[in-house]
Each structure stands twice: as C-alpha cells, then as structure tokens.
Amino acid sequence: MSRSVIVTGCSRGIGAALVQRLLEKEHRVAGCSRSTAAMQELGADPTFRSVDVRDGDAMVGWAKDLQQIGLIPDLVIANAGLLHLRQPFWELSAEEFDQVIDVNIKGVANTARAFLPSMIQNKSGTFVAFSSGWGRSTSPGVSAYCASKFAVEGLIGSLAQELPEGVSAVALSPGVVHTSMLARAFGEEEASHAVEPQQWASQALEFLLTLGPAENGQSVSFQR
C-alpha cells in the first residue's frame, strides 16, 4: 500500500537514501534540506523544498503548502541531524554546540509542530525522530551530540503521552551508518566500516513503515 512520507535532511546520507528507496517503491514522498540544488534535482516545489529545520515558521509554511496539494503524511521521519568534530567539551566552541542543539533538538521540535496538527486532525500517522545509541548512553568527545539525542528521547517520550489515539511518536536509533557527518567527526577510515546509507535504507524502510501505535513512546533500534 502506498504511503505518504515526509523526510527531513534528505540531500545526502540516510535521508537521501530513504527518499530514493521510497520513490522506487512508489510511495508518495516529500523532503527538505538546506541544499537548494539537491532539492531541485529531486523534484518540484513544494514536494521538495530547501528549508532549514531550525526555521520553525518556514517548516510550518512548507507543511501548509504540502497540505494544499493533498499531502498529509502517514509517516514523518525527522532525520536531519548534525554531529560535531570529536573533541573534549571544553574545546567545543559555543557556536558549534549551538548548531548541534538547534538542528538536533529544535529541528525535531519544529518538524513536529509543522506536521503533527494535520496528523492529529486525520487521527492517524507516525512521527519518527532519529535518536542514537548516544541518546541512551554516552561516550567521550561527543558531548553536544549526546545531550541533543538524550533530549530527543525525552521529547518523544513526553509527546507520545499527549497524542490522541491513532497518532504515535517514536524515537529511533538507526545504528552506525557511513555518512559524511560520521566521517567528518571520526575520520573516513573509521567511518568506512559502518553500513552504507543505501544498504541501510533498503533494509530499514519496511521496518520504518511498520511503526505505529503499538510503538508509541518507545525507544526502538533498527537491527540489521
């Protein structure tokens, strides 16, 4: 059955691979990223639009424009994220810390504010926020990222208790995926041992599409 799916941060990595796989499977998909060129390559506005998830008004405007063309999501995948260079907290600049917090926490919140109202009105749909193993445990050198993903877990846990029957929110840890973000933080050699985004998306898509009320409020992980 064809589904209507929103993917944020879809210009590269996991987001780009998910959009490609969704299109191959003939689902209706819309996506955003900060890259205007990448969005123009994927499709026409408003289905694919250059939007920064940190801009709450822009996200709400995009959601309303999608509604105008009849796209009310069955599934929202809040994938956009940022991982800073691995370093001790006291060496991490305030600017870098703020960027991680703004994308990883505020970006998820802005995406939820934009799309949940129509899902609630429709009495169905699942909001999936990408978390991490570092949203459930900690490691040195990734303090801001850990803080942001722990916050995502808390946000989803509370939000899930507020949603009406038929609408669900889930925190998903995708595992370790070979993305440019991971390579930037840990080096290409170490990052190259992780699963490729295309392979991850091929294996994970059906799992994502099965998430629903039974998983509301849960912290789930995709196991390859």
C-alpha atoms as a PDB file:
ATOM      1  CA  MET A   1       0.000   0.000   0.000  1.00  0.00           C
ATOM      2  CA  SER A   2       1.348   3.400  -0.982  1.00  0.00           C
ATOM      3  CA  ARG A   3       2.117   5.740   1.914  1.00  0.00           C
ATOM      4  CA  SER A   4       2.705   9.481   2.204  1.00  0.00           C
ATOM      5  CA  VAL A   5       6.066  10.131   3.860  1.00  0.00           C
ATOM      6  CA  ILE A   6       7.991  13.256   4.896  1.00  0.00           C
ATOM      7  CA  VAL A   7      11.792  13.080   5.235  1.00  0.00           C
ATOM      8  CA  THR A   8      13.892  15.937   6.593  1.00  0.00           C
ATOM      9  CA  GLY A   9      17.588  16.285   5.825  1.00  0.00           C
ATOM     10  CA  CYS A  10      17.212  14.415   2.557  1.00  0.00           C
ATOM     11  CA  SER A  11      20.037  15.875   0.466  1.00  0.00           C
ATOM     12  CA  ARG A  12      22.586  13.234   1.486  1.00  0.00           C
ATOM     13  CA  GLY A  13      23.250  10.257   3.740  1.00  0.00           C
ATOM     14  CA  ILE A  14      20.366   8.354   5.279  1.00  0.00           C
ATOM     15  CA  GLY A  15      17.772  10.932   4.207  1.00  0.00           C
ATOM     16  CA  ALA A  16      18.749  10.830   0.537  1.00  0.00           C
ATOM     17  CA  ALA A  17      18.863   7.037   0.567  1.00  0.00           C
ATOM     18  CA  LEU A  18      15.421   6.816   2.173  1.00  0.00           C
ATOM     19  CA  VAL A  19      13.879   9.163  -0.383  1.00  0.00           C
ATOM     20  CA  GLN A  20      15.388   7.159  -3.236  1.00  0.00           C
ATOM     21  CA  ARG A  21      14.071   3.911  -1.800  1.00  0.00           C
ATOM     22  CA  LEU A  22      10.613   5.369  -1.131  1.00  0.00           C
ATOM     23  CA  LEU A  23      10.360   6.618  -4.695  1.00  0.00           C
ATOM     24  CA  GLU A  24      11.464   3.238  -6.038  1.00  0.00           C
ATOM     25  CA  LYS A  25       8.688   1.628  -4.009  1.00  0.00           C
ATOM     26  CA  GLU A  26       6.189   4.176  -5.426  1.00  0.00           C
ATOM     27  CA  HIS A  27       5.331   5.817  -2.143  1.00  0.00           C
ATOM     28  CA  ARG A  28       4.412   9.488  -2.122  1.00  0.00           C
ATOM     29  CA  VAL A  29       7.339  11.300  -0.558  1.00  0.00           C
ATOM     30  CA  ALA A  30       8.267  14.893   0.203  1.00  0.00           C
ATOM     31  CA  GLY A  31      11.530  16.111   1.609  1.00  0.00           C
ATOM     32  CA  CYS A  32      13.539  19.104   2.687  1.00  0.00           C
ATOM     33  CA  SER A  33      17.130  20.094   3.255  1.00  0.00           C
ATOM     34  CA  ARG A  34      19.161  23.274   3.244  1.00  0.00           C
ATOM     35  CA  SER A  35      20.546  22.454  -0.225  1.00  0.00           C
ATOM     36  CA  THR A  36      18.523  24.224  -2.911  1.00  0.00           C
ATOM     37  CA  ALA A  37      20.327  22.397  -5.725  1.00  0.00           C
ATOM     38  CA  ALA A  38      19.703  18.956  -4.223  1.00  0.00           C
ATOM     39  CA  MET A  39      16.003  19.668  -3.739  1.00  0.00           C
ATOM     40  CA  GLN A  40      15.611  20.920  -7.306  1.00  0.00           C
ATOM     41  CA  GLU A  41      17.193  17.698  -8.547  1.00  0.00           C
ATOM     42  CA  LEU A  42      14.758  15.583  -6.547  1.00  0.00           C
ATOM     43  CA  GLY A  43      11.566  17.299  -7.691  1.00  0.00           C
ATOM     44  CA  ALA A  44       9.375  20.352  -7.869  1.00  0.00           C
ATOM     45  CA  ASP A  45       8.442  22.667  -5.026  1.00  0.00           C
ATOM     46  CA  PRO A  46       6.668  22.273  -2.626  1.00  0.00           C
ATOM     47  CA  THR A  47       7.206  18.491  -2.702  1.00  0.00           C
ATOM     48  CA  PHE A  48      10.944  19.027  -2.373  1.00  0.00           C
ATOM     49  CA  ARG A  49      11.919  22.349  -0.864  1.00  0.00           C
ATOM     50  CA  SER A  50      15.027  23.989   0.535  1.00  0.00           C
ATOM     51  CA  VAL A  51      14.026  24.501   4.172  1.00  0.00           C
ATOM     52  CA  ASP A  52      16.204  24.738   7.249  1.00  0.00           C
ATOM     53  CA  VAL A  53      14.627  22.690  10.068  1.00  0.00           C
ATOM     54  CA  ARG A  54      15.862  25.341  12.507  1.00  0.00           C
ATOM     55  CA  ASP A  55      13.360  27.785  10.966  1.00  0.00           C
ATOM     56  CA  GLY A  56      10.043  26.961  12.606  1.00  0.00           C
ATOM     57  CA  ASP A  57       7.971  29.378  10.512  1.00  0.00           C
ATOM     58  CA  ALA A  58       9.448  28.022   7.286  1.00  0.00           C
ATOM     59  CA  MET A  59       8.673  24.457   8.334  1.00  0.00           C
ATOM     60  CA  VAL A  60       5.055  25.330   9.143  1.00  0.00           C
ATOM     61  CA  GLY A  61       4.750  27.127   5.815  1.00  0.00           C
ATOM     62  CA  TRP A  62       6.098  24.107   3.963  1.00  0.00           C
ATOM     63  CA  ALA A  63       3.679  21.770   5.741  1.00  0.00           C
ATOM     64  CA  LYS A  64       0.744  24.023   4.821  1.00  0.00           C
ATOM     65  CA  ASP A  65       1.838  24.148   1.188  1.00  0.00           C
ATOM     66  CA  LEU A  66       2.033  20.354   1.111  1.00  0.00           C
ATOM     67  CA  GLN A  67      -1.492  20.182   2.526  1.00  0.00           C
ATOM     68  CA  GLN A  68      -2.634  22.377  -0.337  1.00  0.00           C
ATOM     69  CA  ILE A  69      -1.534  19.675  -2.783  1.00  0.00           C
ATOM     70  CA  GLY A  70      -3.164  16.968  -0.680  1.00  0.00           C
ATOM     71  CA  LEU A  71      -0.099  15.608   1.072  1.00  0.00           C
ATOM     72  CA  ILE A  72      -0.915  14.783   4.674  1.00  0.00           C
ATOM     73  CA  PRO A  73       1.757  12.391   5.957  1.00  0.00           C
ATOM     74  CA  ASP A  74       1.222   8.884   7.223  1.00  0.00           C
ATOM     75  CA  LEU A  75       4.831   8.909   8.359  1.00  0.00           C
ATOM     76  CA  VAL A  76       7.214  11.751   9.222  1.00  0.00           C
ATOM     77  CA  ILE A  77      10.906  10.909   9.505  1.00  0.00           C
ATOM     78  CA  ALA A  78      12.763  13.673  11.349  1.00  0.00           C
ATOM     79  CA  ASN A  79      16.201  12.679  10.108  1.00  0.00           C
ATOM     80  CA  ALA A  80      18.067  15.998   9.841  1.00  0.00           C
ATOM     81  CA  GLY A  81      20.973  15.976  12.262  1.00  0.00           C
ATOM     82  CA  LEU A  82      24.420  17.307  12.990  1.00  0.00           C
ATOM     83  CA  LEU A  83      27.436  15.676  14.650  1.00  0.00           C
ATOM     84  CA  HIS A  84      30.302  17.925  15.740  1.00  0.00           C
ATOM     85  CA  LEU A  85      34.007  17.134  15.454  1.00  0.00           C
ATOM     86  CA  ARG A  86      35.081  14.740  18.170  1.00  0.00           C
ATOM     87  CA  GLN A  87      36.727  16.754  20.929  1.00  0.00           C
ATOM     88  CA  PRO A  88      36.501  17.452  24.684  1.00  0.00           C
ATOM     89  CA  PHE A  89      33.535  19.563  25.707  1.00  0.00           C
ATOM     90  CA  TRP A  90      35.687  22.479  26.885  1.00  0.00           C
ATOM     91  CA  GLU A  91      37.314  22.690  23.433  1.00  0.00           C
ATOM     92  CA  LEU A  92      33.951  22.731  21.624  1.00  0.00           C
ATOM     93  CA  SER A  93      33.039  26.280  20.678  1.00  0.00           C
ATOM     94  CA  ALA A  94      29.742  27.779  21.779  1.00  0.00           C
ATOM     95  CA  GLU A  95      28.847  28.210  18.102  1.00  0.00           C
ATOM     96  CA  GLU A  96      29.382  24.505  17.358  1.00  0.00           C
ATOM     97  CA  PHE A  97      27.420  23.489  20.450  1.00  0.00           C
ATOM     98  CA  ASP A  98      24.521  25.762  19.482  1.00  0.00           C
ATOM     99  CA  GLN A  99      24.449  24.392  15.920  1.00  0.00           C
ATOM    100  CA  VAL A 100      24.114  20.815  17.168  1.00  0.00           C
ATOM    101  CA  ILE A 101      21.403  21.735  19.656  1.00  0.00           C
ATOM    102  CA  ASP A 102      19.493  23.852  17.134  1.00  0.00           C
ATOM    103  CA  VAL A 103      19.447  21.184  14.422  1.00  0.00           C
ATOM    104  CA  ASN A 104      19.074  18.051  16.527  1.00  0.00           C
ATOM    105  CA  ILE A 105      16.568  19.268  19.117  1.00  0.00           C
ATOM    106  CA  LYS A 106      14.875  22.379  17.773  1.00  0.00           C
ATOM    107  CA  GLY A 107      14.785  20.860  14.300  1.00  0.00           C
ATOM    108  CA  VAL A 108      12.847  17.843  15.592  1.00  0.00           C
ATOM    109  CA  ALA A 109      10.513  20.121  17.571  1.00  0.00           C
ATOM    110  CA  ASN A 110       9.889  22.367  14.545  1.00  0.00           C
ATOM    111  CA  THR A 111       9.164  19.346  12.358  1.00  0.00           C
ATOM    112  CA  ALA A 112       6.702  18.024  14.920  1.00  0.00           C
ATOM    113  CA  ARG A 113       4.937  21.393  15.209  1.00  0.00           C
ATOM    114  CA  ALA A 114       4.657  21.604  11.438  1.00  0.00           C
ATOM    115  CA  PHE A 115       3.212  18.172  10.710  1.00  0.00           C
ATOM    116  CA  LEU A 116       1.520  16.820  13.826  1.00  0.00           C
ATOM    117  CA  PRO A 117      -1.562  19.087  13.630  1.00  0.00           C
ATOM    118  CA  SER A 118      -2.696  17.584  10.305  1.00  0.00           C
ATOM    119  CA  MET A 119      -1.923  14.065  11.517  1.00  0.00           C
ATOM    120  CA  ILE A 120      -3.924  14.667  14.698  1.00  0.00           C
ATOM    121  CA  GLN A 121      -6.806  16.054  12.662  1.00  0.00           C
ATOM    122  CA  ASN A 122      -6.571  12.988  10.425  1.00  0.00           C
ATOM    123  CA  LYS A 123      -6.414  10.735  13.525  1.00  0.00           C
ATOM    124  CA  SER A 124      -3.522   8.712  12.131  1.00  0.00           C
ATOM    125  CA  GLY A 125       0.182   8.842  11.431  1.00  0.00           C
ATOM    126  CA  THR A 126       3.560   8.175  12.997  1.00  0.00           C
ATOM    127  CA  PHE A 127       6.247  10.720  13.840  1.00  0.00           C
ATOM    128  CA  VAL A 128       9.714   9.151  13.942  1.00  0.00           C
ATOM    129  CA  ALA A 129      12.574  11.203  15.370  1.00  0.00           C
ATOM    130  CA  PHE A 130      16.064   9.914  14.737  1.00  0.00           C
ATOM    131  CA  SER A 131      17.858   9.373  18.005  1.00  0.00           C
ATOM    132  CA  SER A 132      21.099   7.467  18.542  1.00  0.00           C
ATOM    133  CA  GLY A 133      22.818   4.997  20.767  1.00  0.00           C
ATOM    134  CA  TRP A 134      24.305   8.204  22.140  1.00  0.00           C
ATOM    135  CA  GLY A 135      20.826   9.218  23.196  1.00  0.00           C
ATOM    136  CA  ARG A 136      20.791   6.256  25.568  1.00  0.00           C
ATOM    137  CA  SER A 137      24.441   6.023  26.581  1.00  0.00           C
ATOM    138  CA  THR A 138      27.467   8.308  26.499  1.00  0.00           C
ATOM    139  CA  SER A 139      30.983   8.426  25.071  1.00  0.00           C
ATOM    140  CA  PRO A 140      33.800  10.970  25.321  1.00  0.00           C
ATOM    141  CA  GLY A 141      34.228  13.563  22.617  1.00  0.00           C
ATOM    142  CA  VAL A 142      30.570  13.768  21.564  1.00  0.00           C
ATOM    143  CA  SER A 143      29.068  15.715  24.461  1.00  0.00           C
ATOM    144  CA  ALA A 144      26.800  18.058  22.486  1.00  0.00           C
ATOM    145  CA  TYR A 145      25.556  15.232  20.309  1.00  0.00           C
ATOM    146  CA  CYS A 146      24.802  13.061  23.337  1.00  0.00           C
ATOM    147  CA  ALA A 147      22.982  15.947  25.005  1.00  0.00           C
ATOM    148  CA  SER A 148      20.901  16.569  21.906  1.00  0.00           C
ATOM    149  CA  LYS A 149      19.899  12.948  21.411  1.00  0.00           C
ATOM    150  CA  PHE A 150      19.048  12.434  25.092  1.00  0.00           C
ATOM    151  CA  ALA A 151      16.775  15.471  24.652  1.00  0.00           C
ATOM    152  CA  VAL A 152      15.135  13.887  21.604  1.00  0.00           C
ATOM    153  CA  GLU A 153      14.399  10.774  23.644  1.00  0.00           C
ATOM    154  CA  GLY A 154      12.799  12.891  26.372  1.00  0.00           C
ATOM    155  CA  LEU A 155      10.804  14.952  23.916  1.00  0.00           C
ATOM    156  CA  ILE A 156       9.391  11.914  22.171  1.00  0.00           C
ATOM    157  CA  GLY A 157       8.616  10.140  25.441  1.00  0.00           C
ATOM    158  CA  SER A 158       6.576  13.066  26.709  1.00  0.00           C
ATOM    159  CA  LEU A 159       4.987  13.896  23.361  1.00  0.00           C
ATOM    160  CA  ALA A 160       3.802  10.325  22.925  1.00  0.00           C
ATOM    161  CA  GLN A 161       1.750  10.611  26.119  1.00  0.00           C
ATOM    162  CA  GLU A 162      -0.037  13.679  24.751  1.00  0.00           C
ATOM    163  CA  LEU A 163      -1.030  12.309  21.361  1.00  0.00           C
ATOM    164  CA  PRO A 164      -4.572  11.105  20.680  1.00  0.00           C
ATOM    165  CA  GLU A 165      -5.373   7.544  19.741  1.00  0.00           C
ATOM    166  CA  GLY A 166      -4.189   6.678  16.244  1.00  0.00           C
ATOM    167  CA  VAL A 167      -1.200   9.046  16.241  1.00  0.00           C
ATOM    168  CA  SER A 168       2.173   7.916  17.534  1.00  0.00           C
ATOM    169  CA  ALA A 169       5.683   9.201  18.189  1.00  0.00           C
ATOM    170  CA  VAL A 170       8.774   7.009  18.227  1.00  0.00           C
ATOM    171  CA  ALA A 171      12.485   7.592  18.872  1.00  0.00           C
ATOM    172  CA  LEU A 172      14.611   5.500  16.505  1.00  0.00           C
ATOM    173  CA  SER A 173      18.299   4.678  16.787  1.00  0.00           C
ATOM    174  CA  PRO A 174      19.422   3.750  13.267  1.00  0.00           C
ATOM    175  CA  GLY A 175      22.738   2.255  14.320  1.00  0.00           C
ATOM    176  CA  VAL A 176      26.061   3.384  12.868  1.00  0.00           C
ATOM    177  CA  VAL A 177      25.817   4.433   9.217  1.00  0.00           C
ATOM    178  CA  HIS A 178      28.637   5.602   6.921  1.00  0.00           C
ATOM    179  CA  THR A 179      27.698   9.226   6.308  1.00  0.00           C
ATOM    180  CA  SER A 180      29.764  12.337   5.608  1.00  0.00           C
ATOM    181  CA  MET A 181      28.767  13.547   9.072  1.00  0.00           C
ATOM    182  CA  LEU A 182      30.255  10.434  10.694  1.00  0.00           C
ATOM    183  CA  ALA A 183      33.409  10.694   8.573  1.00  0.00           C
ATOM    184  CA  ARG A 184      33.857  14.351   9.496  1.00  0.00           C
ATOM    185  CA  ALA A 185      33.666  13.553  13.190  1.00  0.00           C
ATOM    186  CA  PHE A 186      35.602  10.283  13.304  1.00  0.00           C
ATOM    187  CA  GLY A 187      37.659  10.191  10.112  1.00  0.00           C
ATOM    188  CA  GLU A 188      36.935   8.404   6.847  1.00  0.00           C
ATOM    189  CA  GLU A 189      38.891   5.269   7.755  1.00  0.00           C
ATOM    190  CA  GLU A 190      36.853   4.590  10.892  1.00  0.00           C
ATOM    191  CA  ALA A 191      33.560   5.674   9.333  1.00  0.00           C
ATOM    192  CA  SER A 192      34.039   3.410   6.302  1.00  0.00           C
ATOM    193  CA  HIS A 193      33.478   0.327   8.454  1.00  0.00           C
ATOM    194  CA  ALA A 194      29.841   1.314   9.022  1.00  0.00           C
ATOM    195  CA  VAL A 195      26.937   0.254   6.810  1.00  0.00           C
ATOM    196  CA  GLU A 196      26.373   2.345   3.670  1.00  0.00           C
ATOM    197  CA  PRO A 197      23.241   4.555   3.646  1.00  0.00           C
ATOM    198  CA  GLN A 198      21.749   2.854   0.573  1.00  0.00           C
ATOM    199  CA  GLN A 199      22.088  -0.569   2.150  1.00  0.00           C
ATOM    200  CA  TRP A 200      20.664   0.720   5.430  1.00  0.00           C
ATOM    201  CA  ALA A 201      17.653   2.279   3.703  1.00  0.00           C
ATOM    202  CA  SER A 202      16.926  -0.882   1.718  1.00  0.00           C
ATOM    203  CA  GLN A 203      16.882  -2.926   4.903  1.00  0.00           C
ATOM    204  CA  ALA A 204      15.218  -0.402   7.205  1.00  0.00           C
ATOM    205  CA  LEU A 205      12.399   1.005   5.089  1.00  0.00           C
ATOM    206  CA  GLU A 206       9.871  -1.734   5.745  1.00  0.00           C
ATOM    207  CA  PHE A 207      10.686  -1.557   9.455  1.00  0.00           C
ATOM    208  CA  LEU A 208      10.017   2.191   9.434  1.00  0.00           C
ATOM    209  CA  LEU A 209       6.732   1.717   7.612  1.00  0.00           C
ATOM    210  CA  THR A 210       5.502  -0.758  10.241  1.00  0.00           C
ATOM    211  CA  LEU A 211       5.986   1.650  13.165  1.00  0.00           C
ATOM    212  CA  GLY A 212       2.686   2.809  14.623  1.00  0.00           C
ATOM    213  CA  PRO A 213       0.519   2.977  17.743  1.00  0.00           C
ATOM    214  CA  ALA A 214       1.997  -0.234  19.147  1.00  0.00           C
ATOM    215  CA  GLU A 215       5.381   1.501  19.345  1.00  0.00           C
ATOM    216  CA  ASN A 216       4.085   4.865  20.613  1.00  0.00           C
ATOM    217  CA  GLY A 217       6.539   6.370  23.077  1.00  0.00           C
ATOM    218  CA  GLN A 218       9.098   3.645  22.611  1.00  0.00           C
ATOM    219  CA  SER A 219      12.833   3.971  22.018  1.00  0.00           C
ATOM    220  CA  VAL A 220      13.444   1.495  19.227  1.00  0.00           C
ATOM    221  CA  SER A 221      16.556   0.462  17.347  1.00  0.00           C
ATOM    222  CA  PHE A 222      16.925  -0.913  13.858  1.00  0.00           C
ATOM    223  CA  GLN A 223      18.845  -4.152  13.981  1.00  0.00           C
ATOM    224  CA  ARG A 224      20.356  -5.197  10.670  1.00  0.00           C
END
